[in-house]
Structures are given as C-alpha cells and as structure tokens.
Amino acid sequence: MSEINKAIRCNVDSYRFHDHSRQYCTLDGIKVGSECDCSKEKCDTECASFEYMD
C-alpha cells in the first residue's frame, strides 16, 4: 500500500485510498465539495472538519 498522508485522516472503509490499519488517506491531496457555495452547516458539505467562517 502507498505511504499514508498524516494530514488527511480517513475513516471511510469503502474508499479506495483508505489505509484501513492506520485510518489515513494515501493520496497526496483531496478535493472537498458542497452542494452550494453558501454552506453554513457541516451537513451541507463533504468535509467532516467543516466550520463556518463568519
């Protein structure tokens, strides 16, 4: 398996680039998105660490 990226934690077991034993992503970077560009809630995004910026 590829080297882990310690900056990108991952717990999605079905994800192709998930390192199951260490709970990290093996990609160098990821793309995070949302349904709109006015998201105020974490559930509106695909980012578990989302926080709204006032």
C-alpha atoms as a PDB file:
ATOM      1  CA  MET A   1       0.000   0.000   0.000  1.00  0.00           C
ATOM      2  CA  SER A   2       1.099   3.594  -0.606  1.00  0.00           C
ATOM      3  CA  GLU A   3       2.539   5.826   2.069  1.00  0.00           C
ATOM      4  CA  ILE A   4      -0.071   7.481   4.272  1.00  0.00           C
ATOM      5  CA  ASN A   5      -0.699  11.219   4.338  1.00  0.00           C
ATOM      6  CA  LYS A   6      -0.754  12.095   8.035  1.00  0.00           C
ATOM      7  CA  ALA A   7      -2.544  15.374   7.240  1.00  0.00           C
ATOM      8  CA  ILE A   8      -5.615  13.572   5.836  1.00  0.00           C
ATOM      9  CA  ARG A   9      -7.409  11.325   8.317  1.00  0.00           C
ATOM     10  CA  CYS A  10      -9.974   8.965   6.800  1.00  0.00           C
ATOM     11  CA  ASN A  11     -12.499   6.529   8.244  1.00  0.00           C
ATOM     12  CA  VAL A  12     -14.438   5.661   5.060  1.00  0.00           C
ATOM     13  CA  ASP A  13     -13.872   1.911   4.787  1.00  0.00           C
ATOM     14  CA  SER A  14     -15.139   1.658   1.199  1.00  0.00           C
ATOM     15  CA  TYR A  15     -12.802   4.433  -0.016  1.00  0.00           C
ATOM     16  CA  ARG A  16     -10.185   3.155  -2.485  1.00  0.00           C
ATOM     17  CA  PHE A  17      -7.379   5.241  -0.962  1.00  0.00           C
ATOM     18  CA  HIS A  18      -8.166   4.446   2.701  1.00  0.00           C
ATOM     19  CA  ASP A  19      -5.368   2.863   4.732  1.00  0.00           C
ATOM     20  CA  HIS A  20      -7.533   0.603   6.903  1.00  0.00           C
ATOM     21  CA  SER A  21      -4.911  -0.212   9.503  1.00  0.00           C
ATOM     22  CA  ARG A  22      -3.925   3.399  10.211  1.00  0.00           C
ATOM     23  CA  GLN A  23      -7.153   5.321   9.324  1.00  0.00           C
ATOM     24  CA  TYR A  24      -5.463   7.730   6.893  1.00  0.00           C
ATOM     25  CA  CYS A  25      -5.735   8.592   3.206  1.00  0.00           C
ATOM     26  CA  THR A  26      -2.917   7.518   0.890  1.00  0.00           C
ATOM     27  CA  LEU A  27      -3.424  10.389  -1.587  1.00  0.00           C
ATOM     28  CA  ASP A  28      -1.208  13.492  -1.610  1.00  0.00           C
ATOM     29  CA  GLY A  29      -4.312  15.714  -1.572  1.00  0.00           C
ATOM     30  CA  ILE A  30      -8.099  15.605  -1.726  1.00  0.00           C
ATOM     31  CA  LYS A  31     -10.926  17.747  -3.135  1.00  0.00           C
ATOM     32  CA  VAL A  32     -13.673  18.805  -0.712  1.00  0.00           C
ATOM     33  CA  GLY A  33     -17.021  19.986  -2.066  1.00  0.00           C
ATOM     34  CA  SER A  34     -20.514  21.102  -1.204  1.00  0.00           C
ATOM     35  CA  GLU A  35     -23.900  21.351  -2.903  1.00  0.00           C
ATOM     36  CA  CYS A  36     -23.700  25.160  -2.892  1.00  0.00           C
ATOM     37  CA  ASP A  37     -21.095  27.824  -2.218  1.00  0.00           C
ATOM     38  CA  CYS A  38     -23.069  29.260   0.713  1.00  0.00           C
ATOM     39  CA  SER A  39     -22.808  26.325   3.158  1.00  0.00           C
ATOM     40  CA  LYS A  40     -23.149  27.186   6.828  1.00  0.00           C
ATOM     41  CA  GLU A  41     -23.563  23.674   8.255  1.00  0.00           C
ATOM     42  CA  LYS A  42     -21.209  20.694   8.168  1.00  0.00           C
ATOM     43  CA  CYS A  43     -24.010  18.505   6.797  1.00  0.00           C
ATOM     44  CA  ASP A  44     -24.126  20.738   3.677  1.00  0.00           C
ATOM     45  CA  THR A  45     -20.541  19.767   2.788  1.00  0.00           C
ATOM     46  CA  GLU A  46     -18.413  16.695   2.205  1.00  0.00           C
ATOM     47  CA  CYS A  47     -15.976  17.855   4.911  1.00  0.00           C
ATOM     48  CA  ALA A  48     -16.129  16.342   8.393  1.00  0.00           C
ATOM     49  CA  SER A  49     -13.951  19.137   9.821  1.00  0.00           C
ATOM     50  CA  PHE A  50     -16.039  21.984   8.314  1.00  0.00           C
ATOM     51  CA  GLU A  51     -16.553  25.107  10.426  1.00  0.00           C
ATOM     52  CA  TYR A  52     -18.494  28.134   9.167  1.00  0.00           C
ATOM     53  CA  MET A  53     -16.418  31.284   8.634  1.00  0.00           C
ATOM     54  CA  ASP A  54     -18.328  34.462   9.644  1.00  0.00           C
END
